[in-house]
PDB file of N, CA and C in Angstrom:
ATOM      1  N   MET A   1      19.994 -21.185-102.733  1.00  0.00           N
ATOM      2  CA  MET A   1      19.969 -22.033-101.566  1.00  0.00           C
ATOM      3  C   MET A   1      21.020 -21.563-100.565  1.00  0.00           C
ATOM      4  N   THR A   2      20.663 -21.551 -99.302  1.00  0.00           N
ATOM      5  CA  THR A   2      21.556 -21.099 -98.254  1.00  0.00           C
ATOM      6  C   THR A   2      22.540 -22.212 -97.894  1.00  0.00           C
ATOM      7  N   SER A   3      23.823 -21.851 -97.794  1.00  0.00           N
ATOM      8  CA  SER A   3      24.837 -22.857 -97.461  1.00  0.00           C
ATOM      9  C   SER A   3      24.785 -23.193 -95.971  1.00  0.00           C
ATOM     10  N   PHE A   4      25.345 -24.343 -95.627  1.00  0.00           N
ATOM     11  CA  PHE A   4      25.407 -24.758 -94.228  1.00  0.00           C
ATOM     12  C   PHE A   4      26.149 -23.706 -93.409  1.00  0.00           C
ATOM     13  N   GLN A   5      27.258 -23.199 -93.937  1.00  0.00           N
ATOM     14  CA  GLN A   5      28.048 -22.206 -93.205  1.00  0.00           C
ATOM     15  C   GLN A   5      27.235 -20.945 -92.930  1.00  0.00           C
ATOM     16  N   GLU A   6      26.448 -20.501 -93.897  1.00  0.00           N
ATOM     17  CA  GLU A   6      25.605 -19.326 -93.689  1.00  0.00           C
ATOM     18  C   GLU A   6      24.579 -19.588 -92.588  1.00  0.00           C
ATOM     19  N   LEU A   7      23.989 -20.781 -92.591  1.00  0.00           N
ATOM     20  CA  LEU A   7      23.021 -21.130 -91.548  1.00  0.00           C
ATOM     21  C   LEU A   7      23.680 -21.164 -90.172  1.00  0.00           C
ATOM     22  N   VAL A   8      24.893 -21.716 -90.100  1.00  0.00           N
ATOM     23  CA  VAL A   8      25.619 -21.755 -88.830  1.00  0.00           C
ATOM     24  C   VAL A   8      25.877 -20.342 -88.328  1.00  0.00           C
ATOM     25  N   GLU A   9      26.308 -19.469 -89.208  1.00  0.00           N
ATOM     26  CA  GLU A   9      26.577 -18.084 -88.817  1.00  0.00           C
ATOM     27  C   GLU A   9      25.318 -17.395 -88.317  1.00  0.00           C
ATOM     28  N   ARG A  10      24.214 -17.612 -88.987  1.00  0.00           N
ATOM     29  CA  ARG A  10      22.945 -17.026 -88.546  1.00  0.00           C
ATOM     30  C   ARG A  10      22.532 -17.595 -87.192  1.00  0.00           C
ATOM     31  N   TRP A  11      22.696 -18.914 -87.013  1.00  0.00           N
ATOM     32  CA  TRP A  11      22.360 -19.573 -85.750  1.00  0.00           C
ATOM     33  C   TRP A  11      23.245 -19.038 -84.620  1.00  0.00           C
ATOM     34  N   MET A  12      24.555 -18.918 -84.889  1.00  0.00           N
ATOM     35  CA  MET A  12      25.500 -18.415 -83.883  1.00  0.00           C
ATOM     36  C   MET A  12      25.167 -16.976 -83.482  1.00  0.00           C
ATOM     37  N   ALA A  13      24.603 -16.224 -84.408  1.00  0.00           N
ATOM     38  CA  ALA A  13      24.232 -14.840 -84.131  1.00  0.00           C
ATOM     39  C   ALA A  13      22.921 -14.736 -83.358  1.00  0.00           C
ATOM     40  N   GLY A  14      22.270 -15.883 -83.129  1.00  0.00           N
ATOM     41  CA  GLY A  14      21.047 -15.888 -82.339  1.00  0.00           C
ATOM     42  C   GLY A  14      19.766 -15.871 -83.139  1.00  0.00           C
ATOM     43  N   GLU A  15      19.886 -15.969 -84.458  1.00  0.00           N
ATOM     44  CA  GLU A  15      18.680 -15.980 -85.292  1.00  0.00           C
ATOM     45  C   GLU A  15      17.920 -17.296 -85.104  1.00  0.00           C
ATOM     46  N   THR A  16      16.608 -17.209 -85.045  1.00  0.00           N
ATOM     47  CA  THR A  16      15.764 -18.394 -84.956  1.00  0.00           C
ATOM     48  C   THR A  16      15.592 -18.962 -86.361  1.00  0.00           C
ATOM     49  N   LEU A  17      15.994 -20.214 -86.539  1.00  0.00           N
ATOM     50  CA  LEU A  17      15.875 -20.867 -87.838  1.00  0.00           C
ATOM     51  C   LEU A  17      14.700 -21.834 -87.813  1.00  0.00           C
ATOM     52  N   HIS A  18      14.006 -21.926 -88.923  1.00  0.00           N
ATOM     53  CA  HIS A  18      12.850 -22.814 -89.031  1.00  0.00           C
ATOM     54  C   HIS A  18      13.235 -24.249 -88.699  1.00  0.00           C
ATOM     55  N   GLY A  19      12.497 -24.863 -87.775  1.00  0.00           N
ATOM     56  CA  GLY A  19      12.714 -26.259 -87.420  1.00  0.00           C
ATOM     57  C   GLY A  19      13.840 -26.499 -86.429  1.00  0.00           C
ATOM     58  N   VAL A  20      14.515 -25.437 -85.999  1.00  0.00           N
ATOM     59  CA  VAL A  20      15.632 -25.571 -85.066  1.00  0.00           C
ATOM     60  C   VAL A  20      15.166 -25.065 -83.700  1.00  0.00           C
ATOM     61  N   GLU A  21      15.134 -25.974 -82.725  1.00  0.00           N
ATOM     62  CA  GLU A  21      14.563 -25.654 -81.422  1.00  0.00           C
ATOM     63  C   GLU A  21      15.554 -25.100 -80.405  1.00  0.00           C
ATOM     64  N   TYR A  22      16.842 -25.322 -80.611  1.00  0.00           N
ATOM     65  CA  TYR A  22      17.819 -24.951 -79.589  1.00  0.00           C
ATOM     66  C   TYR A  22      18.839 -23.961 -80.110  1.00  0.00           C
ATOM     67  N   GLY A  23      19.244 -23.074 -79.226  1.00  0.00           N
ATOM     68  CA  GLY A  23      20.230 -22.068 -79.571  1.00  0.00           C
ATOM     69  C   GLY A  23      21.548 -22.310 -78.854  1.00  0.00           C
ATOM     70  N   LEU A  24      22.519 -21.482 -79.172  1.00  0.00           N
ATOM     71  CA  LEU A  24      23.843 -21.558 -78.598  1.00  0.00           C
ATOM     72  C   LEU A  24      23.782 -21.437 -77.078  1.00  0.00           C
ATOM     73  N   ASN A  25      24.484 -22.332 -76.403  1.00  0.00           N
ATOM     74  CA  ASN A  25      24.602 -22.369 -74.939  1.00  0.00           C
ATOM     75  C   ASN A  25      23.307 -22.705 -74.204  1.00  0.00           C
ATOM     76  N   GLU A  26      22.303 -23.186 -74.922  1.00  0.00           N
ATOM     77  CA  GLU A  26      21.054 -23.575 -74.266  1.00  0.00           C
ATOM     78  C   GLU A  26      21.276 -24.858 -73.467  1.00  0.00           C
ATOM     79  N   LEU A  27      20.768 -24.883 -72.243  1.00  0.00           N
ATOM     80  CA  LEU A  27      20.898 -26.041 -71.373  1.00  0.00           C
ATOM     81  C   LEU A  27      19.865 -27.086 -71.776  1.00  0.00           C
ATOM     82  N   VAL A  28      20.349 -28.311 -72.022  1.00  0.00           N
ATOM     83  CA  VAL A  28      19.483 -29.398 -72.468  1.00  0.00           C
ATOM     84  C   VAL A  28      19.789 -30.676 -71.698  1.00  0.00           C
ATOM     85  N   GLU A  29      18.850 -31.611 -71.790  1.00  0.00           N
ATOM     86  CA  GLU A  29      19.029 -32.949 -71.236  1.00  0.00           C
ATOM     87  C   GLU A  29      18.898 -33.945 -72.375  1.00  0.00           C
ATOM     88  N   VAL A  30      19.759 -34.952 -72.381  1.00  0.00           N
ATOM     89  CA  VAL A  30      19.707 -36.014 -73.378  1.00  0.00           C
ATOM     90  C   VAL A  30      18.653 -37.020 -72.931  1.00  0.00           C
ATOM     91  N   LEU A  31      17.725 -37.361 -73.826  1.00  0.00           N
ATOM     92  CA  LEU A  31      16.586 -38.208 -73.471  1.00  0.00           C
ATOM     93  C   LEU A  31      16.809 -39.702 -73.675  1.00  0.00           C
ATOM     94  N   ALA A  32      17.721 -40.090 -74.546  1.00  0.00           N
ATOM     95  CA  ALA A  32      17.910 -41.516 -74.837  1.00  0.00           C
ATOM     96  C   ALA A  32      19.344 -41.767 -75.274  1.00  0.00           C
ATOM     97  N   GLY A  33      19.716 -43.039 -75.283  1.00  0.00           N
ATOM     98  CA  GLY A  33      21.046 -43.417 -75.729  1.00  0.00           C
ATOM     99  C   GLY A  33      22.035 -43.517 -74.573  1.00  0.00           C
ATOM    100  N   THR A  34      23.288 -43.622 -74.917  1.00  0.00           N
ATOM    101  CA  THR A  34      24.358 -43.797 -73.947  1.00  0.00           C
ATOM    102  C   THR A  34      24.385 -42.708 -72.884  1.00  0.00           C
ATOM    103  N   HIS A  35      24.019 -41.499 -73.257  1.00  0.00           N
ATOM    104  CA  HIS A  35      24.106 -40.354 -72.344  1.00  0.00           C
ATOM    105  C   HIS A  35      22.747 -39.909 -71.813  1.00  0.00           C
ATOM    106  N   ALA A  36      21.760 -40.801 -71.869  1.00  0.00           N
ATOM    107  CA  ALA A  36      20.408 -40.473 -71.390  1.00  0.00           C
ATOM    108  C   ALA A  36      20.462 -39.966 -69.950  1.00  0.00           C
ATOM    109  N   GLY A  37      19.753 -38.870 -69.718  1.00  0.00           N
ATOM    110  CA  GLY A  37      19.680 -38.289 -68.387  1.00  0.00           C
ATOM    111  C   GLY A  37      20.775 -37.273 -68.091  1.00  0.00           C
ATOM    112  N   GLU A  38      21.790 -37.220 -68.940  1.00  0.00           N
ATOM    113  CA  GLU A  38      22.868 -36.253 -68.730  1.00  0.00           C
ATOM    114  C   GLU A  38      22.461 -34.894 -69.285  1.00  0.00           C
ATOM    115  N   ARG A  39      23.021 -33.864 -68.683  1.00  0.00           N
ATOM    116  CA  ARG A  39      22.722 -32.491 -69.102  1.00  0.00           C
ATOM    117  C   ARG A  39      23.975 -31.830 -69.647  1.00  0.00           C
ATOM    118  N   GLY A  40      23.727 -30.833 -70.464  1.00  0.00           N
ATOM    119  CA  GLY A  40      24.839 -30.078 -71.015  1.00  0.00           C
ATOM    120  C   GLY A  40      24.338 -28.883 -71.794  1.00  0.00           C
ATOM    121  N   CYS A  41      25.265 -28.191 -72.444  1.00  0.00           N
ATOM    122  CA  CYS A  41      24.942 -27.002 -73.234  1.00  0.00           C
ATOM    123  C   CYS A  41      25.172 -27.270 -74.713  1.00  0.00           C
ATOM    124  N   VAL A  42      24.276 -26.757 -75.522  1.00  0.00           N
ATOM    125  CA  VAL A  42      24.411 -26.837 -76.979  1.00  0.00           C
ATOM    126  C   VAL A  42      25.540 -25.887 -77.386  1.00  0.00           C
ATOM    127  N   VAL A  43      26.528 -26.424 -78.093  1.00  0.00           N
ATOM    128  CA  VAL A  43      27.667 -25.588 -78.468  1.00  0.00           C
ATOM    129  C   VAL A  43      27.826 -25.382 -79.976  1.00  0.00           C
ATOM    130  N   ALA A  44      27.231 -26.268 -80.787  1.00  0.00           N
ATOM    131  CA  ALA A  44      27.367 -26.098 -82.236  1.00  0.00           C
ATOM    132  C   ALA A  44      26.408 -27.022 -82.976  1.00  0.00           C
ATOM    133  N   PRO A  45      25.943 -26.583 -84.130  1.00  0.00           N
ATOM    134  CA  PRO A  45      25.175 -27.490 -84.988  1.00  0.00           C
ATOM    135  C   PRO A  45      26.136 -28.315 -85.840  1.00  0.00           C
ATOM    136  N   VAL A  46      25.741 -29.565 -86.093  1.00  0.00           N
ATOM    137  CA  VAL A  46      26.514 -30.437 -86.976  1.00  0.00           C
ATOM    138  C   VAL A  46      25.835 -30.484 -88.337  1.00  0.00           C
ATOM    139  N   GLU A  47      24.505 -30.488 -88.311  1.00  0.00           N
ATOM    140  CA  GLU A  47      23.701 -30.434 -89.538  1.00  0.00           C
ATOM    141  C   GLU A  47      22.312 -29.919 -89.176  1.00  0.00           C
ATOM    142  N   PHE A  48      21.611 -29.447 -90.188  1.00  0.00           N
ATOM    143  CA  PHE A  48      20.253 -28.934 -89.983  1.00  0.00           C
ATOM    144  C   PHE A  48      19.198 -29.804 -90.647  1.00  0.00           C
ATOM    145  N   GLU A  49      19.579 -30.543 -91.675  1.00  0.00           N
ATOM    146  CA  GLU A  49      18.645 -31.376 -92.430  1.00  0.00           C
ATOM    147  C   GLU A  49      19.123 -32.815 -92.470  1.00  0.00           C
ATOM    148  N   PRO A  50      18.274 -33.805 -92.435  1.00  0.00           N
ATOM    149  CA  PRO A  50      16.826 -33.683 -92.362  1.00  0.00           C
ATOM    150  C   PRO A  50      16.327 -33.312 -90.965  1.00  0.00           C
ATOM    151  N   GLU A  51      17.146 -33.563 -89.943  1.00  0.00           N
ATOM    152  CA  GLU A  51      16.821 -33.146 -88.573  1.00  0.00           C
ATOM    153  C   GLU A  51      18.077 -32.529 -87.969  1.00  0.00           C
ATOM    154  N   PRO A  52      17.915 -31.425 -87.245  1.00  0.00           N
ATOM    155  CA  PRO A  52      19.096 -30.817 -86.629  1.00  0.00           C
ATOM    156  C   PRO A  52      19.830 -31.787 -85.702  1.00  0.00           C
ATOM    157  N   VAL A  53      21.154 -31.719 -85.782  1.00  0.00           N
ATOM    158  CA  VAL A  53      22.042 -32.468 -84.900  1.00  0.00           C
ATOM    159  C   VAL A  53      22.979 -31.444 -84.275  1.00  0.00           C
ATOM    160  N   PHE A  54      23.166 -31.557 -82.967  1.00  0.00           N
ATOM    161  CA  PHE A  54      23.995 -30.595 -82.245  1.00  0.00           C
ATOM    162  C   PHE A  54      25.135 -31.274 -81.509  1.00  0.00           C
ATOM    163  N   VAL A  55      26.217 -30.544 -81.333  1.00  0.00           N
ATOM    164  CA  VAL A  55      27.248 -30.933 -80.389  1.00  0.00           C
ATOM    165  C   VAL A  55      26.790 -30.383 -79.045  1.00  0.00           C
ATOM    166  N   VAL A  56      26.709 -31.280 -78.060  1.00  0.00           N
ATOM    167  CA  VAL A  56      26.329 -30.895 -76.711  1.00  0.00           C
ATOM    168  C   VAL A  56      27.524 -31.160 -75.804  1.00  0.00           C
ATOM    169  N   GLU A  57      27.959 -30.130 -75.075  1.00  0.00           N
ATOM    170  CA  GLU A  57      29.023 -30.301 -74.103  1.00  0.00           C
ATOM    171  C   GLU A  57      28.369 -30.682 -72.783  1.00  0.00           C
ATOM    172  N   LEU A  58      28.540 -31.932 -72.397  1.00  0.00           N
ATOM    173  CA  LEU A  58      27.931 -32.435 -71.170  1.00  0.00           C
ATOM    174  C   LEU A  58      28.626 -31.829 -69.952  1.00  0.00           C
ATOM    175  N   THR A  59      27.951 -31.859 -68.812  1.00  0.00           N
ATOM    176  CA  THR A  59      28.535 -31.313 -67.586  1.00  0.00           C
ATOM    177  C   THR A  59      29.801 -32.059 -67.185  1.00  0.00           C
ATOM    178  N   THR A  60      29.996 -33.260 -67.714  1.00  0.00           N
ATOM    179  CA  THR A  60      31.203 -34.038 -67.451  1.00  0.00           C
ATOM    180  C   THR A  60      32.390 -33.542 -68.275  1.00  0.00           C
ATOM    181  N   GLY A  61      32.123 -32.646 -69.237  1.00  0.00           N
ATOM    182  CA  GLY A  61      33.169 -32.134 -70.111  1.00  0.00           C
ATOM    183  C   GLY A  61      33.268 -32.865 -71.435  1.00  0.00           C
ATOM    184  N   THR A  62      32.487 -33.907 -71.604  1.00  0.00           N
ATOM    185  CA  THR A  62      32.477 -34.686 -72.838  1.00  0.00           C
ATOM    186  C   THR A  62      31.582 -34.017 -73.873  1.00  0.00           C
ATOM    187  N   ASP A  63      32.040 -33.971 -75.121  1.00  0.00           N
ATOM    188  CA  ASP A  63      31.225 -33.475 -76.227  1.00  0.00           C
ATOM    189  C   ASP A  63      30.595 -34.654 -76.942  1.00  0.00           C
ATOM    190  N   VAL A  64      29.285 -34.577 -77.167  1.00  0.00           N
ATOM    191  CA  VAL A  64      28.567 -35.628 -77.886  1.00  0.00           C
ATOM    192  C   VAL A  64      27.685 -34.996 -78.952  1.00  0.00           C
ATOM    193  N   GLU A  65      27.418 -35.746 -80.015  1.00  0.00           N
ATOM    194  CA  GLU A  65      26.499 -35.301 -81.055  1.00  0.00           C
ATOM    195  C   GLU A  65      25.147 -35.943 -80.793  1.00  0.00           C
ATOM    196  N   VAL A  66      24.104 -35.109 -80.757  1.00  0.00           N
ATOM    197  CA  VAL A  66      22.770 -35.594 -80.425  1.00  0.00           C
ATOM    198  C   VAL A  66      21.753 -34.973 -81.380  1.00  0.00           C
ATOM    199  N   VAL A  67      20.845 -35.818 -81.905  1.00  0.00           N
ATOM    200  CA  VAL A  67      19.780 -35.286 -82.757  1.00  0.00           C
ATOM    201  C   VAL A  67      18.786 -34.510 -81.892  1.00  0.00           C
ATOM    202  N   GLN A  68      18.213 -33.498 -82.491  1.00  0.00           N
ATOM    203  CA  GLN A  68      17.293 -32.608 -81.781  1.00  0.00           C
ATOM    204  C   GLN A  68      16.163 -33.344 -81.066  1.00  0.00           C
ATOM    205  N   SER A  69      15.609 -34.390 -81.699  1.00  0.00           N
ATOM    206  CA  SER A  69      14.470 -35.101 -81.107  1.00  0.00           C
ATOM    207  C   SER A  69      14.829 -35.844 -79.826  1.00  0.00           C
ATOM    208  N   LEU A  70      16.122 -36.010 -79.555  1.00  0.00           N
ATOM    209  CA  LEU A  70      16.548 -36.690 -78.330  1.00  0.00           C
ATOM    210  C   LEU A  70      17.041 -35.708 -77.273  1.00  0.00           C
ATOM    211  N   LEU A  71      16.671 -34.434 -77.438  1.00  0.00           N
ATOM    212  CA  LEU A  71      17.015 -33.408 -76.464  1.00  0.00           C
ATOM    213  C   LEU A  71      15.762 -32.786 -75.883  1.00  0.00           C
ATOM    214  N   ARG A  72      15.901 -32.288 -74.648  1.00  0.00           N
ATOM    215  CA  ARG A  72      14.814 -31.554 -74.004  1.00  0.00           C
ATOM    216  C   ARG A  72      15.447 -30.357 -73.304  1.00  0.00           C
ATOM    217  N   ALA A  73      14.808 -29.206 -73.467  1.00  0.00           N
ATOM    218  CA  ALA A  73      15.293 -27.992 -72.794  1.00  0.00           C
ATOM    219  C   ALA A  73      15.136 -28.152 -71.286  1.00  0.00           C
ATOM    220  N   VAL A  74      16.099 -27.653 -70.552  1.00  0.00           N
ATOM    221  CA  VAL A  74      16.080 -27.702 -69.087  1.00  0.00           C
ATOM    222  C   VAL A  74      15.936 -26.276 -68.577  1.00  0.00           C
ATOM    223  N   GLY A  75      15.039 -26.130 -67.609  1.00  0.00           N
ATOM    224  CA  GLY A  75      14.889 -24.815 -66.995  1.00  0.00           C
ATOM    225  C   GLY A  75      13.752 -24.100 -67.473  1.00  0.00           C
TER     226      GLY A  75
END
């Protein structure tokens, strides 16, 4: 079984992982919750299972954790 750290390293290197829609520095918009409508860049994965969760650095400079299903690619 692949460890979380190994998956993070592969993701950081730009490898496409099964079920993971966003890559490092990808511009996204938050679709729901406190930060709905805000945009930012994906900076790190927090977990991959059962659903990917990412740290998103918002344009305001705030870092938030958002599940993949509540993100949309911008651009």
